[in-house]
Amino acid sequence: MDLLIENKLLEYKTHIIDYATLKSILTSLGYVNINDKIANLKRKNIIQPIKKGFYIHNSQVTKTIISKELLSNILLDNPSYISLDYALNFHGLIPESTHEVTAVTPKRSKSFKTSVGVFSYKHIKKELFSIGIKIERSRNANFLIAGKEKALCDKIYLTSGVQLTSSAAMIDFLENDIRIDIEDLEDFDTNILEEYYKISKSKKIQILLNLIKEL
């Protein structure tokens, strides 16, 4: 019967299965003691708990590749989107990749250490949440991520302990601290930055906006 379960699970290309879906699969195959069977599947490592009510399907017949981006959107019970260093690298703005998937949420900051990787979430005011985010696709999954403009705004806005009070200081931070090529900012959509500044009232964002307008 495990092969029948495997075939059903393979229909879900992301390999991320929620409890309701797993229960439906097992019920359709005639199982009655659902939780006992789920415990059995966990012991056999066919499924792996990733958070309450969610499992990773460790396929027995094909390589299991998980979209960390989708998992980032799912792990937190509250709304979130990928941003900061992970998003900056995703958009090709910074050279260093990061094993930690960084995200932003209007709720409190939090982090998860899982077998798939580390997922961190930083708090941002809810009024800034929906600006400049988009849907991308990777590894058979759609996920929510900050566009490059929003990712950079979030990085600057949420970085504390750095004095960014002039264009020279901003350029130094961009080039030397996060290693962005200034020329890559020339095609930025300044409308997104203007909206971000209007809501945040952040002097740092205003300096970034003026710098990009001058490019």
N, C-alpha and C. Protein backbone atom coordinates (compact mmCIF):
# COMPACT_ATOMS: atom_id res chain seq x y z
N MET A 1 0.81 -1.21 0.00
CA MET A 1 0.00 0.00 0.00
C MET A 1 0.85 1.27 0.00
N ASP A 2 2.09 1.15 0.54
CA ASP A 2 2.95 2.34 0.57
C ASP A 2 3.24 2.83 -0.84
N LEU A 3 3.31 1.92 -1.81
CA LEU A 3 3.55 2.32 -3.19
C LEU A 3 2.38 3.13 -3.72
N LEU A 4 1.16 2.75 -3.34
CA LEU A 4 -0.01 3.52 -3.76
C LEU A 4 0.01 4.92 -3.15
N ILE A 5 0.43 5.00 -1.89
CA ILE A 5 0.56 6.32 -1.25
C ILE A 5 1.62 7.14 -1.96
N GLU A 6 2.74 6.48 -2.27
CA GLU A 6 3.83 7.17 -2.98
C GLU A 6 3.35 7.75 -4.30
N ASN A 7 2.59 6.97 -5.06
CA ASN A 7 2.10 7.43 -6.35
C ASN A 7 1.17 8.63 -6.20
N LYS A 8 0.35 8.60 -5.15
CA LYS A 8 -0.53 9.74 -4.88
C LYS A 8 0.26 10.98 -4.50
N LEU A 9 1.26 10.80 -3.65
CA LEU A 9 2.08 11.93 -3.20
C LEU A 9 2.87 12.54 -4.36
N LEU A 10 3.26 11.72 -5.32
CA LEU A 10 4.02 12.22 -6.47
C LEU A 10 3.22 13.17 -7.34
N GLU A 11 1.89 13.19 -7.16
CA GLU A 11 1.08 14.13 -7.92
C GLU A 11 1.31 15.57 -7.46
N TYR A 12 1.89 15.73 -6.28
CA TYR A 12 2.15 17.05 -5.72
C TYR A 12 3.63 17.39 -5.96
N LYS A 13 3.87 18.15 -7.03
CA LYS A 13 5.23 18.35 -7.54
C LYS A 13 6.14 19.11 -6.59
N THR A 14 5.55 19.88 -5.67
CA THR A 14 6.39 20.65 -4.75
C THR A 14 6.98 19.77 -3.65
N HIS A 15 6.41 18.58 -3.44
CA HIS A 15 6.80 17.66 -2.36
C HIS A 15 6.50 18.24 -0.98
N ILE A 16 5.70 19.29 -0.91
CA ILE A 16 5.27 19.84 0.37
C ILE A 16 3.78 19.54 0.52
N ILE A 17 3.44 18.76 1.54
CA ILE A 17 2.08 18.25 1.69
C ILE A 17 1.51 18.74 3.02
N ASP A 18 0.29 19.26 3.00
CA ASP A 18 -0.32 19.65 4.27
C ASP A 18 -1.16 18.48 4.81
N TYR A 19 -1.55 18.61 6.07
CA TYR A 19 -2.24 17.52 6.74
C TYR A 19 -3.56 17.17 6.05
N ALA A 20 -4.31 18.18 5.64
CA ALA A 20 -5.61 17.93 5.01
C ALA A 20 -5.44 17.11 3.72
N THR A 21 -4.42 17.45 2.94
CA THR A 21 -4.16 16.71 1.70
C THR A 21 -3.75 15.29 2.00
N LEU A 22 -2.86 15.12 2.98
CA LEU A 22 -2.40 13.78 3.34
C LEU A 22 -3.55 12.93 3.87
N LYS A 23 -4.40 13.53 4.67
CA LYS A 23 -5.57 12.82 5.20
C LYS A 23 -6.50 12.40 4.07
N SER A 24 -6.69 13.29 3.10
CA SER A 24 -7.56 12.97 1.96
C SER A 24 -7.00 11.81 1.15
N ILE A 25 -5.67 11.80 0.95
CA ILE A 25 -5.03 10.70 0.20
C ILE A 25 -5.24 9.38 0.92
N LEU A 26 -4.97 9.38 2.22
CA LEU A 26 -5.08 8.14 2.99
C LEU A 26 -6.52 7.66 3.07
N THR A 27 -7.46 8.58 3.22
CA THR A 27 -8.87 8.20 3.27
C THR A 27 -9.32 7.58 1.95
N SER A 28 -8.86 8.16 0.84
CA SER A 28 -9.24 7.64 -0.49
C SER A 28 -8.69 6.24 -0.73
N LEU A 29 -7.61 5.89 0.00
CA LEU A 29 -7.02 4.55 -0.14
C LEU A 29 -7.56 3.57 0.89
N GLY A 30 -8.55 4.02 1.67
CA GLY A 30 -9.23 3.11 2.58
C GLY A 30 -8.71 3.09 4.00
N TYR A 31 -7.77 3.97 4.33
CA TYR A 31 -7.27 3.99 5.70
C TYR A 31 -8.28 4.65 6.63
N VAL A 32 -8.39 4.12 7.84
CA VAL A 32 -9.32 4.65 8.84
C VAL A 32 -8.55 5.35 9.96
N ASN A 33 -7.54 4.69 10.49
CA ASN A 33 -6.71 5.28 11.55
C ASN A 33 -5.63 6.17 10.92
N ILE A 34 -6.07 7.34 10.51
CA ILE A 34 -5.21 8.24 9.72
C ILE A 34 -3.94 8.63 10.47
N ASN A 35 -4.08 9.05 11.72
CA ASN A 35 -2.91 9.52 12.47
C ASN A 35 -1.91 8.39 12.72
N ASP A 36 -2.41 7.17 12.90
CA ASP A 36 -1.51 6.03 13.07
C ASP A 36 -0.71 5.79 11.79
N LYS A 37 -1.37 5.92 10.64
CA LYS A 37 -0.68 5.71 9.37
C LYS A 37 0.33 6.83 9.12
N ILE A 38 -0.03 8.06 9.47
CA ILE A 38 0.91 9.17 9.32
C ILE A 38 2.15 8.93 10.18
N ALA A 39 1.95 8.46 11.40
CA ALA A 39 3.09 8.15 12.28
C ALA A 39 3.96 7.06 11.65
N ASN A 40 3.33 6.09 11.01
CA ASN A 40 4.06 5.02 10.34
C ASN A 40 4.87 5.55 9.16
N LEU A 41 4.27 6.45 8.40
CA LEU A 41 4.98 7.05 7.25
C LEU A 41 6.16 7.90 7.72
N LYS A 42 6.00 8.54 8.88
CA LYS A 42 7.11 9.33 9.43
C LYS A 42 8.25 8.40 9.86
N ARG A 43 7.93 7.29 10.49
CA ARG A 43 8.96 6.34 10.93
C ARG A 43 9.73 5.79 9.73
N LYS A 44 9.04 5.61 8.62
CA LYS A 44 9.68 5.10 7.41
C LYS A 44 10.38 6.20 6.61
N ASN A 45 10.28 7.44 7.09
CA ASN A 45 10.87 8.61 6.44
C ASN A 45 10.29 8.87 5.05
N ILE A 46 9.08 8.39 4.82
CA ILE A 46 8.39 8.71 3.57
C ILE A 46 7.89 10.15 3.62
N ILE A 47 7.49 10.57 4.81
CA ILE A 47 7.17 11.98 5.02
C ILE A 47 7.97 12.49 6.22
N GLN A 48 8.27 13.75 6.20
CA GLN A 48 9.06 14.38 7.26
C GLN A 48 8.35 15.64 7.75
N PRO A 49 8.03 15.73 9.03
CA PRO A 49 7.37 16.94 9.53
C PRO A 49 8.28 18.15 9.36
N ILE A 50 7.71 19.25 8.88
CA ILE A 50 8.49 20.47 8.71
C ILE A 50 7.94 21.58 9.61
N LYS A 51 6.68 21.51 9.94
CA LYS A 51 6.01 22.34 10.94
C LYS A 51 4.67 21.69 11.20
N LYS A 52 3.95 22.16 12.18
CA LYS A 52 2.67 21.54 12.51
C LYS A 52 1.72 21.61 11.30
N GLY A 53 1.30 20.44 10.86
CA GLY A 53 0.35 20.37 9.76
C GLY A 53 0.97 20.36 8.38
N PHE A 54 2.32 20.35 8.29
CA PHE A 54 2.98 20.32 6.98
C PHE A 54 4.10 19.29 7.00
N TYR A 55 4.25 18.62 5.85
CA TYR A 55 5.25 17.57 5.72
C TYR A 55 6.00 17.71 4.40
N ILE A 56 7.23 17.24 4.40
CA ILE A 56 7.97 17.09 3.15
C ILE A 56 7.87 15.63 2.73
N HIS A 57 7.52 15.41 1.48
CA HIS A 57 7.46 14.05 0.94
C HIS A 57 8.85 13.65 0.46
N ASN A 58 9.45 12.69 1.14
CA ASN A 58 10.74 12.16 0.72
C ASN A 58 10.48 11.01 -0.24
N SER A 59 10.47 11.34 -1.53
CA SER A 59 10.08 10.35 -2.53
C SER A 59 11.01 9.14 -2.52
N GLN A 60 10.41 7.97 -2.67
CA GLN A 60 11.16 6.72 -2.74
C GLN A 60 11.57 6.38 -4.17
N VAL A 61 11.05 7.09 -5.16
CA VAL A 61 11.30 6.71 -6.56
C VAL A 61 11.93 7.83 -7.38
N THR A 62 11.95 9.05 -6.87
CA THR A 62 12.55 10.14 -7.62
C THR A 62 13.23 11.10 -6.65
N LYS A 63 14.13 11.91 -7.16
CA LYS A 63 14.86 12.83 -6.29
C LYS A 63 13.91 13.92 -5.78
N THR A 64 13.95 14.12 -4.48
CA THR A 64 13.10 15.14 -3.86
C THR A 64 13.83 16.48 -3.86
N ILE A 65 13.29 17.44 -4.58
CA ILE A 65 13.87 18.79 -4.62
C ILE A 65 12.81 19.75 -4.09
N ILE A 66 13.16 20.43 -3.01
CA ILE A 66 12.21 21.32 -2.35
C ILE A 66 12.50 22.77 -2.73
N SER A 67 11.47 23.52 -3.03
CA SER A 67 11.62 24.95 -3.25
C SER A 67 11.72 25.64 -1.89
N LYS A 68 12.92 26.11 -1.56
CA LYS A 68 13.09 26.83 -0.29
C LYS A 68 12.24 28.10 -0.29
N GLU A 69 12.07 28.67 -1.47
CA GLU A 69 11.29 29.90 -1.57
C GLU A 69 9.83 29.67 -1.18
N LEU A 70 9.26 28.60 -1.72
CA LEU A 70 7.88 28.27 -1.37
C LEU A 70 7.78 27.93 0.11
N LEU A 71 8.75 27.17 0.60
CA LEU A 71 8.74 26.78 2.00
C LEU A 71 8.81 28.01 2.91
N SER A 72 9.57 29.01 2.49
CA SER A 72 9.64 30.26 3.26
C SER A 72 8.26 30.91 3.37
N ASN A 73 7.52 30.91 2.27
CA ASN A 73 6.17 31.49 2.29
C ASN A 73 5.21 30.71 3.19
N ILE A 74 5.47 29.40 3.36
CA ILE A 74 4.55 28.53 4.08
C ILE A 74 4.87 28.46 5.58
N LEU A 75 6.14 28.46 5.93
CA LEU A 75 6.56 28.16 7.30
C LEU A 75 5.91 29.05 8.35
N LEU A 76 5.84 30.34 8.04
CA LEU A 76 5.26 31.27 8.99
C LEU A 76 3.74 31.27 8.83
N ASP A 77 3.04 31.23 9.95
CA ASP A 77 1.57 31.25 9.88
C ASP A 77 1.05 32.59 9.38
N ASN A 78 1.84 33.63 9.56
CA ASN A 78 1.46 34.97 9.13
C ASN A 78 1.97 35.24 7.71
N PRO A 79 1.41 36.23 7.02
CA PRO A 79 1.87 36.54 5.66
C PRO A 79 3.34 36.97 5.65
N SER A 80 4.04 36.60 4.60
CA SER A 80 5.45 36.98 4.47
C SER A 80 5.83 36.96 3.00
N TYR A 81 6.95 37.57 2.70
CA TYR A 81 7.53 37.48 1.36
C TYR A 81 9.04 37.46 1.50
N ILE A 82 9.73 36.82 0.57
CA ILE A 82 11.19 36.75 0.59
C ILE A 82 11.75 38.12 0.26
N SER A 83 12.79 38.52 0.98
CA SER A 83 13.38 39.83 0.76
C SER A 83 14.83 39.84 1.25
N LEU A 84 15.37 41.04 1.44
CA LEU A 84 16.70 41.23 2.01
C LEU A 84 17.77 40.47 1.20
N ASP A 85 18.75 39.88 1.85
CA ASP A 85 19.91 39.33 1.14
C ASP A 85 19.53 38.23 0.15
N TYR A 86 18.61 37.36 0.54
CA TYR A 86 18.24 36.26 -0.35
C TYR A 86 17.62 36.80 -1.64
N ALA A 87 16.74 37.78 -1.50
CA ALA A 87 16.09 38.37 -2.68
C ALA A 87 17.09 39.16 -3.51
N LEU A 88 18.00 39.88 -2.86
CA LEU A 88 19.00 40.65 -3.60
C LEU A 88 19.87 39.72 -4.44
N ASN A 89 20.22 38.57 -3.89
CA ASN A 89 20.99 37.59 -4.67
C ASN A 89 20.14 36.96 -5.76
N PHE A 90 18.89 36.68 -5.45
CA PHE A 90 17.97 36.10 -6.44
C PHE A 90 17.87 36.99 -7.67
N HIS A 91 17.84 38.30 -7.46
CA HIS A 91 17.73 39.26 -8.56
C HIS A 91 19.08 39.62 -9.17
N GLY A 92 20.14 39.00 -8.69
CA GLY A 92 21.47 39.23 -9.25
C GLY A 92 22.13 40.53 -8.84
N LEU A 93 21.67 41.12 -7.75
CA LEU A 93 22.24 42.41 -7.31
C LEU A 93 23.46 42.23 -6.42
N ILE A 94 23.54 41.15 -5.68
CA ILE A 94 24.72 40.89 -4.86
C ILE A 94 25.28 39.53 -5.25
N PRO A 95 26.61 39.39 -5.19
CA PRO A 95 27.23 38.16 -5.68
C PRO A 95 27.13 36.98 -4.73
N GLU A 96 27.09 37.26 -3.42
CA GLU A 96 27.11 36.17 -2.45
C GLU A 96 25.73 35.53 -2.29
N SER A 97 25.70 34.22 -2.43
CA SER A 97 24.46 33.50 -2.13
C SER A 97 24.41 33.26 -0.63
N THR A 98 23.23 33.01 -0.13
CA THR A 98 23.07 32.77 1.30
C THR A 98 22.27 31.51 1.53
N HIS A 99 22.72 30.69 2.48
CA HIS A 99 21.98 29.46 2.79
C HIS A 99 20.73 29.79 3.60
N GLU A 100 20.74 30.95 4.24
CA GLU A 100 19.57 31.37 5.02
C GLU A 100 18.59 32.09 4.10
N VAL A 101 17.35 31.66 4.13
CA VAL A 101 16.32 32.32 3.33
C VAL A 101 15.73 33.44 4.19
N THR A 102 15.93 34.68 3.72
CA THR A 102 15.52 35.85 4.49
C THR A 102 14.19 36.38 3.98
N ALA A 103 13.31 36.72 4.91
CA ALA A 103 11.98 37.16 4.53
C ALA A 103 11.51 38.28 5.46
N VAL A 104 10.38 38.87 5.10
CA VAL A 104 9.82 40.00 5.85
C VAL A 104 8.35 39.69 6.14
N THR A 105 7.89 40.13 7.30
CA THR A 105 6.51 39.90 7.72
C THR A 105 5.99 41.10 8.50
N PRO A 106 4.70 41.38 8.45
CA PRO A 106 4.16 42.46 9.27
C PRO A 106 4.00 42.05 10.73
N LYS A 107 4.23 40.78 11.03
CA LYS A 107 4.16 40.30 12.40
C LYS A 107 5.56 40.30 13.02
N ARG A 108 5.70 39.69 14.18
CA ARG A 108 6.98 39.77 14.89
C ARG A 108 8.07 38.94 14.19
N SER A 109 9.31 39.33 14.42
CA SER A 109 10.45 38.63 13.83
C SER A 109 10.54 37.21 14.39
N LYS A 110 11.04 36.30 13.55
CA LYS A 110 11.11 34.91 13.96
C LYS A 110 12.08 34.18 13.05
N SER A 111 12.59 33.03 13.50
CA SER A 111 13.45 32.21 12.64
C SER A 111 13.16 30.74 12.89
N PHE A 112 13.41 29.92 11.85
CA PHE A 112 13.23 28.48 11.94
C PHE A 112 14.50 27.79 11.45
N LYS A 113 14.94 26.79 12.18
CA LYS A 113 16.02 25.92 11.71
C LYS A 113 15.39 24.58 11.34
N THR A 114 15.51 24.21 10.08
CA THR A 114 14.92 22.97 9.60
C THR A 114 15.98 22.13 8.91
N SER A 115 15.63 20.92 8.54
CA SER A 115 16.55 20.05 7.81
C SER A 115 16.82 20.59 6.41
N VAL A 116 15.94 21.45 5.93
CA VAL A 116 16.09 22.03 4.59
C VAL A 116 16.98 23.26 4.63
N GLY A 117 17.00 23.96 5.76
CA GLY A 117 17.80 25.18 5.87
C GLY A 117 17.25 26.08 6.96
N VAL A 118 17.84 27.27 7.06
CA VAL A 118 17.42 28.26 8.04
C VAL A 118 16.54 29.30 7.35
N PHE A 119 15.45 29.63 8.00
CA PHE A 119 14.50 30.60 7.45
C PHE A 119 14.28 31.69 8.51
N SER A 120 14.56 32.94 8.14
CA SER A 120 14.40 34.03 9.09
C SER A 120 13.41 35.06 8.56
N TYR A 121 12.72 35.72 9.48
CA TYR A 121 11.69 36.69 9.14
C TYR A 121 11.90 37.94 9.98
N LYS A 122 11.95 39.09 9.32
CA LYS A 122 12.08 40.36 10.02
C LYS A 122 10.77 41.13 9.94
N HIS A 123 10.46 41.81 11.02
CA HIS A 123 9.23 42.59 11.08
C HIS A 123 9.35 43.88 10.28
N ILE A 124 8.27 44.22 9.60
CA ILE A 124 8.17 45.50 8.92
C ILE A 124 6.74 46.02 9.13
N LYS A 125 6.57 47.33 9.14
CA LYS A 125 5.24 47.87 9.36
C LYS A 125 4.30 47.43 8.24
N LYS A 126 3.07 47.13 8.61
CA LYS A 126 2.14 46.53 7.65
C LYS A 126 1.85 47.43 6.46
N GLU A 127 1.99 48.76 6.64
CA GLU A 127 1.73 49.69 5.54
C GLU A 127 2.75 49.54 4.41
N LEU A 128 3.92 49.00 4.73
CA LEU A 128 4.97 48.82 3.71
C LEU A 128 4.93 47.44 3.06
N PHE A 129 4.11 46.56 3.61
CA PHE A 129 4.17 45.15 3.21
C PHE A 129 3.93 44.92 1.73
N SER A 130 2.89 45.49 1.18
CA SER A 130 2.45 45.12 -0.17
C SER A 130 3.16 45.88 -1.29
N ILE A 131 4.00 46.84 -0.95
CA ILE A 131 4.69 47.62 -1.99
C ILE A 131 5.74 46.76 -2.69
N GLY A 132 5.71 46.75 -4.00
CA GLY A 132 6.81 46.18 -4.78
C GLY A 132 7.07 44.70 -4.64
N ILE A 133 6.05 43.91 -4.29
CA ILE A 133 6.27 42.46 -4.22
C ILE A 133 5.68 41.80 -5.47
N LYS A 134 6.18 40.62 -5.78
CA LYS A 134 5.77 39.97 -7.02
C LYS A 134 5.78 38.46 -6.84
N ILE A 135 5.22 37.76 -7.79
CA ILE A 135 5.22 36.30 -7.78
C ILE A 135 6.25 35.81 -8.79
N GLU A 136 7.14 34.94 -8.33
CA GLU A 136 8.13 34.31 -9.19
C GLU A 136 7.91 32.80 -9.16
N ARG A 137 8.62 32.08 -10.02
CA ARG A 137 8.47 30.63 -10.08
C ARG A 137 9.83 29.95 -10.05
N SER A 138 9.94 28.90 -9.24
CA SER A 138 11.17 28.13 -9.16
C SER A 138 10.83 26.72 -8.67
N ARG A 139 11.45 25.72 -9.28
CA ARG A 139 11.27 24.32 -8.86
C ARG A 139 9.79 23.93 -8.76
N ASN A 140 9.06 24.20 -9.81
CA ASN A 140 7.63 23.83 -9.89
C ASN A 140 6.77 24.50 -8.84
N ALA A 141 7.19 25.67 -8.36
CA ALA A 141 6.42 26.34 -7.32
C ALA A 141 6.41 27.84 -7.54
N ASN A 142 5.26 28.45 -7.28
CA ASN A 142 5.16 29.90 -7.27
C ASN A 142 5.37 30.41 -5.86
N PHE A 143 6.04 31.54 -5.73
CA PHE A 143 6.29 32.08 -4.40
C PHE A 143 6.31 33.60 -4.46
N LEU A 144 6.11 34.20 -3.29
CA LEU A 144 6.04 35.65 -3.16
C LEU A 144 7.42 36.18 -2.76
N ILE A 145 7.89 37.19 -3.49
CA ILE A 145 9.22 37.73 -3.24
C ILE A 145 9.22 39.23 -3.53
N ALA A 146 10.06 39.95 -2.84
CA ALA A 146 10.22 41.37 -3.12
C ALA A 146 10.90 41.55 -4.47
N GLY A 147 10.39 42.49 -5.28
CA GLY A 147 11.12 42.88 -6.47
C GLY A 147 12.44 43.50 -6.05
N LYS A 148 13.34 43.72 -6.99
CA LYS A 148 14.67 44.20 -6.62
C LYS A 148 14.64 45.54 -5.90
N GLU A 149 13.72 46.41 -6.32
CA GLU A 149 13.61 47.72 -5.67
C GLU A 149 13.17 47.57 -4.21
N LYS A 150 12.15 46.73 -4.00
CA LYS A 150 11.64 46.53 -2.64
C LYS A 150 12.66 45.83 -1.77
N ALA A 151 13.38 44.85 -2.33
CA ALA A 151 14.38 44.12 -1.56
C ALA A 151 15.48 45.05 -1.05
N LEU A 152 15.91 45.98 -1.92
CA LEU A 152 16.94 46.92 -1.51
C LEU A 152 16.41 47.91 -0.48
N CYS A 153 15.21 48.39 -0.69
CA CYS A 153 14.60 49.29 0.31
C CYS A 153 14.49 48.60 1.66
N ASP A 154 14.03 47.36 1.67
CA ASP A 154 13.91 46.62 2.92
C ASP A 154 15.28 46.48 3.58
N LYS A 155 16.30 46.15 2.78
CA LYS A 155 17.65 45.96 3.33
C LYS A 155 18.14 47.23 4.01
N ILE A 156 17.97 48.35 3.35
CA ILE A 156 18.44 49.62 3.90
C ILE A 156 17.58 50.05 5.09
N TYR A 157 16.29 49.93 4.95
CA TYR A 157 15.36 50.36 6.00
C TYR A 157 15.53 49.55 7.28
N LEU A 158 15.78 48.26 7.14
CA LEU A 158 15.84 47.37 8.29
C LEU A 158 17.25 47.16 8.84
N THR A 159 18.25 47.75 8.19
CA THR A 159 19.62 47.65 8.70
C THR A 159 19.85 48.75 9.74
N SER A 160 20.15 48.33 10.94
CA SER A 160 20.39 49.30 12.01
C SER A 160 21.88 49.44 12.28
N GLY A 161 22.24 50.50 12.98
CA GLY A 161 23.63 50.71 13.36
C GLY A 161 24.52 51.23 12.26
N VAL A 162 23.94 51.66 11.15
CA VAL A 162 24.73 52.21 10.04
C VAL A 162 24.25 53.63 9.76
N GLN A 163 25.17 54.57 9.76
CA GLN A 163 24.83 55.97 9.50
C GLN A 163 24.83 56.23 7.99
N LEU A 164 23.65 56.40 7.43
CA LEU A 164 23.52 56.67 5.99
C LEU A 164 22.88 58.04 5.84
N THR A 165 23.68 59.07 6.01
CA THR A 165 23.16 60.45 6.04
C THR A 165 23.57 61.27 4.82
N SER A 166 24.21 60.62 3.85
CA SER A 166 24.63 61.35 2.65
C SER A 166 24.73 60.37 1.49
N SER A 167 24.79 60.92 0.27
CA SER A 167 24.94 60.07 -0.91
C SER A 167 26.25 59.30 -0.86
N ALA A 168 27.30 59.96 -0.36
CA ALA A 168 28.62 59.30 -0.28
C ALA A 168 28.55 58.10 0.67
N ALA A 169 27.88 58.29 1.81
CA ALA A 169 27.75 57.19 2.77
C ALA A 169 26.91 56.06 2.19
N MET A 170 25.86 56.42 1.43
CA MET A 170 25.00 55.41 0.81
C MET A 170 25.78 54.61 -0.22
N ILE A 171 26.57 55.29 -1.05
CA ILE A 171 27.36 54.60 -2.07
C ILE A 171 28.36 53.65 -1.41
N ASP A 172 28.99 54.13 -0.35
CA ASP A 172 29.96 53.29 0.36
C ASP A 172 29.28 52.05 0.93
N PHE A 173 28.09 52.21 1.49
CA PHE A 173 27.35 51.08 2.04
C PHE A 173 26.96 50.09 0.94
N LEU A 174 26.46 50.60 -0.16
CA LEU A 174 26.02 49.74 -1.26
C LEU A 174 27.19 48.97 -1.88
N GLU A 175 28.28 49.67 -2.11
CA GLU A 175 29.41 49.05 -2.82
C GLU A 175 30.26 48.18 -1.91
N ASN A 176 30.47 48.59 -0.68
CA ASN A 176 31.43 47.90 0.18
C ASN A 176 30.79 46.98 1.23
N ASP A 177 29.60 47.36 1.71
CA ASP A 177 28.95 46.52 2.72
C ASP A 177 28.12 45.40 2.10
N ILE A 178 27.31 45.73 1.12
CA ILE A 178 26.48 44.68 0.52
C ILE A 178 26.90 44.35 -0.92
N ARG A 179 27.94 45.04 -1.40
CA ARG A 179 28.60 44.72 -2.68
C ARG A 179 27.66 44.76 -3.88
N ILE A 180 26.94 45.86 -3.98
CA ILE A 180 26.10 46.10 -5.15
C ILE A 180 26.84 47.00 -6.13
N ASP A 181 26.77 46.67 -7.39
CA ASP A 181 27.32 47.52 -8.44
C ASP A 181 26.33 48.66 -8.68
N ILE A 182 26.76 49.88 -8.46
CA ILE A 182 25.87 51.04 -8.57
C ILE A 182 25.20 51.10 -9.94
N GLU A 183 25.89 50.68 -10.98
CA GLU A 183 25.32 50.71 -12.33
C GLU A 183 24.07 49.84 -12.45
N ASP A 184 23.96 48.82 -11.59
CA ASP A 184 22.81 47.93 -11.65
C ASP A 184 21.53 48.60 -11.13
N LEU A 185 21.68 49.79 -10.56
CA LEU A 185 20.51 50.50 -10.02
C LEU A 185 19.89 51.46 -11.04
N GLU A 186 20.54 51.59 -12.21
CA GLU A 186 20.10 52.59 -13.18
C GLU A 186 18.70 52.33 -13.71
N ASP A 187 18.29 51.06 -13.80
CA ASP A 187 16.97 50.74 -14.36
C ASP A 187 15.93 50.51 -13.27
N PHE A 188 16.22 50.94 -12.05
CA PHE A 188 15.26 50.77 -10.96
C PHE A 188 14.00 51.61 -11.21
N ASP A 189 12.88 51.06 -10.79
CA ASP A 189 11.60 51.77 -10.87
C ASP A 189 11.51 52.71 -9.66
N THR A 190 11.73 53.99 -9.91
CA THR A 190 11.75 54.95 -8.79
C THR A 190 10.36 55.16 -8.19
N ASN A 191 9.32 54.78 -8.92
CA ASN A 191 7.97 54.90 -8.36
C ASN A 191 7.81 54.05 -7.11
N ILE A 192 8.45 52.87 -7.11
CA ILE A 192 8.37 51.99 -5.95
C ILE A 192 9.12 52.62 -4.77
N LEU A 193 10.28 53.19 -5.05
CA LEU A 193 11.04 53.84 -3.99
C LEU A 193 10.31 55.06 -3.43
N GLU A 194 9.66 55.81 -4.32
CA GLU A 194 8.91 56.98 -3.86
C GLU A 194 7.75 56.58 -2.96
N GLU A 195 7.06 55.49 -3.32
CA GLU A 195 5.96 55.02 -2.49
C GLU A 195 6.48 54.53 -1.15
N TYR A 196 7.61 53.83 -1.18
CA TYR A 196 8.22 53.32 0.05
C TYR A 196 8.61 54.47 0.97
N TYR A 197 9.20 55.51 0.37
CA TYR A 197 9.61 56.67 1.18
C TYR A 197 8.40 57.42 1.73
N LYS A 198 7.38 57.56 0.92
CA LYS A 198 6.17 58.28 1.35
C LYS A 198 5.57 57.68 2.60
N ILE A 199 5.59 56.34 2.68
CA ILE A 199 5.00 55.65 3.83
C ILE A 199 5.99 55.56 5.00
N SER A 200 7.24 55.23 4.69
CA SER A 200 8.22 55.01 5.75
C SER A 200 8.75 56.29 6.37
N LYS A 201 8.77 57.37 5.58
CA LYS A 201 9.35 58.64 6.01
C LYS A 201 10.82 58.48 6.42
N SER A 202 11.48 57.48 5.84
CA SER A 202 12.86 57.17 6.20
C SER A 202 13.84 58.07 5.42
N LYS A 203 14.72 58.74 6.15
CA LYS A 203 15.72 59.58 5.52
C LYS A 203 16.66 58.74 4.66
N LYS A 204 16.93 57.51 5.10
CA LYS A 204 17.80 56.62 4.33
C LYS A 204 17.20 56.31 2.96
N ILE A 205 15.91 56.06 2.94
CA ILE A 205 15.25 55.75 1.67
C ILE A 205 15.22 56.98 0.77
N GLN A 206 15.05 58.14 1.36
CA GLN A 206 15.08 59.38 0.57
C GLN A 206 16.44 59.57 -0.09
N ILE A 207 17.50 59.30 0.65
CA ILE A 207 18.86 59.43 0.09
C ILE A 207 19.06 58.42 -1.04
N LEU A 208 18.59 57.19 -0.84
CA LEU A 208 18.69 56.17 -1.89
C LEU A 208 17.92 56.59 -3.12
N LEU A 209 16.72 57.11 -2.93
CA LEU A 209 15.88 57.56 -4.05
C LEU A 209 16.58 58.67 -4.82
N ASN A 210 17.10 59.65 -4.13
CA ASN A 210 17.77 60.76 -4.82
C ASN A 210 19.02 60.28 -5.56
N LEU A 211 19.73 59.34 -4.96
CA LEU A 211 20.93 58.78 -5.61
C LEU A 211 20.57 58.10 -6.91
N ILE A 212 19.52 57.30 -6.91
CA ILE A 212 19.14 56.55 -8.11
C ILE A 212 18.61 57.51 -9.18
N LYS A 213 17.92 58.54 -8.78
CA LYS A 213 17.44 59.53 -9.75
C LYS A 213 18.59 60.24 -10.45
N GLU A 214 19.72 60.33 -9.78
CA GLU A 214 20.88 61.01 -10.36
C GLU A 214 21.70 60.14 -11.30
N LEU A 215 21.44 58.83 -11.27
CA LEU A 215 22.23 57.92 -12.09
C LEU A 215 21.92 58.07 -13.58
